Protein backbone atom coordinates (compact mmCIF):
# COMPACT_ATOMS: atom_id res chain seq x y z
CA UNK A 1 -83.24 -79.62 -92.08
CA UNK A 2 -84.64 -78.14 -88.59
CA UNK A 3 -87.52 -79.14 -87.13
CA UNK A 4 -89.42 -75.82 -85.93
CA UNK A 5 -89.72 -74.77 -82.33
CA UNK A 6 -93.69 -75.43 -82.83
CA UNK A 7 -92.26 -78.97 -83.71
CA UNK A 8 -90.06 -79.10 -80.58
CA UNK A 9 -92.77 -78.05 -77.88
CA UNK A 10 -95.35 -79.89 -79.53
CA UNK A 11 -93.30 -82.99 -78.98
CA UNK A 12 -92.28 -82.09 -75.29
CA UNK A 13 -96.48 -81.30 -75.11
CA UNK A 14 -97.06 -84.40 -75.70
CA UNK A 15 -94.11 -85.91 -73.62
CA UNK A 16 -95.77 -84.77 -70.62
CA UNK A 17 -99.52 -85.89 -71.48
CA UNK A 18 -97.79 -89.43 -72.34
CA UNK A 19 -96.27 -89.13 -68.92
CA UNK A 20 -99.12 -88.38 -67.07
CA UNK A 21 -101.64 -90.63 -69.50
CA UNK A 22 -102.34 -92.70 -66.79
CA UNK A 23 -103.37 -90.05 -64.10
CA UNK A 24 -106.20 -88.62 -66.53
CA UNK A 25 -106.31 -84.86 -68.02
CA UNK A 26 -103.80 -82.41 -67.56
CA UNK A 27 -103.95 -78.84 -67.97
CA UNK A 28 -102.48 -76.35 -70.35
CA UNK A 29 -101.71 -74.21 -67.57
CA UNK A 30 -99.93 -77.76 -66.12
CA UNK A 31 -98.18 -78.54 -69.35
CA UNK A 32 -96.87 -74.82 -69.58
CA UNK A 33 -95.54 -75.10 -66.21
CA UNK A 34 -93.94 -78.08 -65.91
CA UNK A 35 -92.28 -77.73 -69.99
CA UNK A 36 -91.48 -73.75 -69.08
CA UNK A 37 -93.33 -73.15 -72.82
CA UNK A 38 -95.97 -69.91 -72.73
CA UNK A 39 -99.42 -70.68 -72.38
CA UNK A 40 -100.69 -69.09 -75.66
CA UNK A 41 -98.24 -70.91 -77.62
CA UNK A 42 -98.96 -74.14 -76.13
CA UNK A 43 -102.81 -73.27 -77.09
CA UNK A 44 -101.91 -72.80 -80.62
CA UNK A 45 -100.08 -76.13 -80.68
CA UNK A 46 -102.42 -78.33 -78.69
CA UNK A 47 -105.31 -77.18 -81.20
CA UNK A 48 -103.39 -78.36 -84.48
CA UNK A 49 -103.25 -81.69 -82.63
CA UNK A 50 -106.42 -81.53 -80.96
CA UNK A 51 -107.87 -81.20 -85.11
CA UNK A 52 -105.43 -84.10 -86.20
CA UNK A 53 -107.13 -86.15 -83.46
CA UNK A 54 -103.79 -86.98 -81.47
CA UNK A 55 -105.50 -85.24 -78.34
CA UNK A 56 -109.00 -84.61 -76.63
CA UNK A 57 -110.08 -81.43 -74.72
CA UNK A 58 -112.69 -81.66 -72.04
CA UNK A 59 -114.41 -79.09 -70.34
CA UNK A 60 -114.96 -78.23 -66.94
CA UNK A 61 -113.62 -78.47 -63.14
CA UNK A 62 -111.11 -81.91 -63.98
CA UNK A 63 -110.78 -80.62 -67.29
CA UNK A 64 -107.64 -80.50 -69.69
CA UNK A 65 -106.06 -82.41 -72.15
CA UNK A 66 -105.05 -86.09 -72.58
CA UNK A 67 -104.01 -88.25 -75.86
CA UNK A 68 -105.96 -89.60 -77.86
CA UNK A 69 -104.82 -93.09 -77.59
CA UNK A 70 -102.84 -94.73 -75.61
CA UNK A 71 -98.93 -93.15 -75.70
CA UNK A 72 -97.85 -96.87 -77.50
CA UNK A 73 -100.16 -96.03 -80.29
CA UNK A 74 -98.88 -92.64 -81.34
CA UNK A 75 -95.15 -91.77 -82.65
CA UNK A 76 -93.04 -88.90 -82.94
CA UNK A 77 -94.02 -88.81 -87.15
CA UNK A 78 -97.13 -88.29 -86.43
CA UNK A 79 -96.97 -85.49 -84.48
CA UNK A 80 -94.58 -83.85 -86.21
CA UNK A 81 -96.38 -84.44 -89.94
CA UNK A 82 -99.49 -82.36 -87.99
CA UNK A 83 -96.69 -80.13 -87.25
CA UNK A 84 -94.49 -79.57 -89.17
CA UNK A 85 -95.50 -81.31 -92.79
CA UNK A 86 -93.21 -82.90 -94.70
CA UNK A 87 -89.94 -84.21 -93.62
CA UNK A 88 -88.28 -83.90 -96.65
CA UNK A 89 -84.80 -81.97 -96.63
CA UNK A 90 -86.07 -80.91 -99.96
CA UNK A 91 -88.61 -79.96 -101.81
CA UNK A 92 -88.30 -82.19 -104.85
CA UNK A 93 -88.53 -85.83 -102.72
CA UNK A 94 -92.32 -85.05 -102.24
CA UNK A 95 -92.97 -83.30 -105.61
CA UNK A 96 -91.05 -84.58 -108.49
CA UNK A 97 -91.92 -82.42 -111.08
CA UNK A 98 -88.33 -81.21 -111.06
CA UNK A 99 -86.98 -80.99 -115.22
CA UNK A 100 -83.53 -82.75 -113.69
CA UNK A 101 -85.68 -85.72 -112.24
CA UNK A 102 -84.57 -88.45 -114.35
CA UNK A 103 -80.72 -86.90 -114.43
CA UNK A 104 -80.53 -86.13 -111.12
CA UNK A 105 -77.70 -87.75 -108.57
CA UNK A 106 -78.37 -85.55 -105.40
CA UNK A 107 -82.34 -86.89 -105.81
CA UNK A 108 -81.33 -90.60 -104.22
CA UNK A 109 -79.64 -88.65 -101.81
CA UNK A 110 -82.38 -86.68 -100.27
CA UNK A 111 -84.80 -89.69 -100.74
CA UNK A 112 -82.29 -91.67 -98.61
CA UNK A 113 -82.02 -89.30 -95.62
CA UNK A 114 -86.46 -88.85 -96.27
CA UNK A 115 -86.64 -92.48 -95.47
CA UNK A 116 -83.62 -92.72 -92.28
CA UNK A 117 -85.49 -90.19 -90.92
CA UNK A 118 -88.91 -91.55 -91.10
CA UNK A 119 -87.36 -94.82 -89.84
CA UNK A 120 -86.41 -93.00 -86.30
CA UNK A 121 -89.77 -90.91 -86.30
CA UNK A 122 -91.66 -93.39 -87.03
CA UNK A 123 -90.63 -96.14 -85.05
CA UNK A 124 -90.24 -94.25 -81.92
CA UNK A 125 -93.47 -93.63 -79.85
CA UNK A 126 -94.44 -91.26 -76.89
CA UNK A 127 -94.81 -94.47 -74.67
CA UNK A 128 -90.63 -95.28 -75.72
CA UNK A 129 -90.14 -91.50 -74.94
CA UNK A 130 -91.81 -91.32 -71.86
CA UNK A 131 -90.13 -94.78 -70.63
CA UNK A 132 -86.84 -92.95 -70.90
CA UNK A 133 -88.18 -89.62 -69.30
CA UNK A 134 -88.97 -91.89 -66.46
CA UNK A 135 -85.62 -93.99 -66.30
CA UNK A 136 -83.42 -90.71 -66.57
CA UNK A 137 -85.75 -89.15 -63.80
CA UNK A 138 -85.26 -92.25 -61.59
CA UNK A 139 -81.31 -91.81 -62.12
CA UNK A 140 -80.98 -87.92 -61.42
CA UNK A 141 -83.02 -89.03 -57.82
CA UNK A 142 -80.72 -91.57 -57.12
CA UNK A 143 -77.51 -89.70 -57.44
CA UNK A 144 -78.87 -87.03 -55.55
CA UNK A 145 -79.43 -89.24 -52.29
């Protein structure tokens, strides 16, 4: 299973908002520049995130976007669910209508894979990712001086 560009860019967009969370709103143009992603593409993604209630938008000179909740309260799993839908490796994990369901040996494997993936994304918050980002940035600045 692969996460689409929409999912990857959505995580980057949300991480950018998490890093700037204490500073207030951030324009989509600023996010696009910082993340080197097309502003048009980010518009599509931010609309989905706003409809899902993960971000808020504000109009005006000081307008832009901000996370709807603190970064510690938003998980990667929530974001990916909005942008990607199910993270199951195969269809039958979510829709157990297969005629071979009772005798399928591989189903338990797919369920274990789904459970492992859910455990990672549902226990990774934007806050923890932002902290990791800031630590890496601090290390990079130390190496450069």
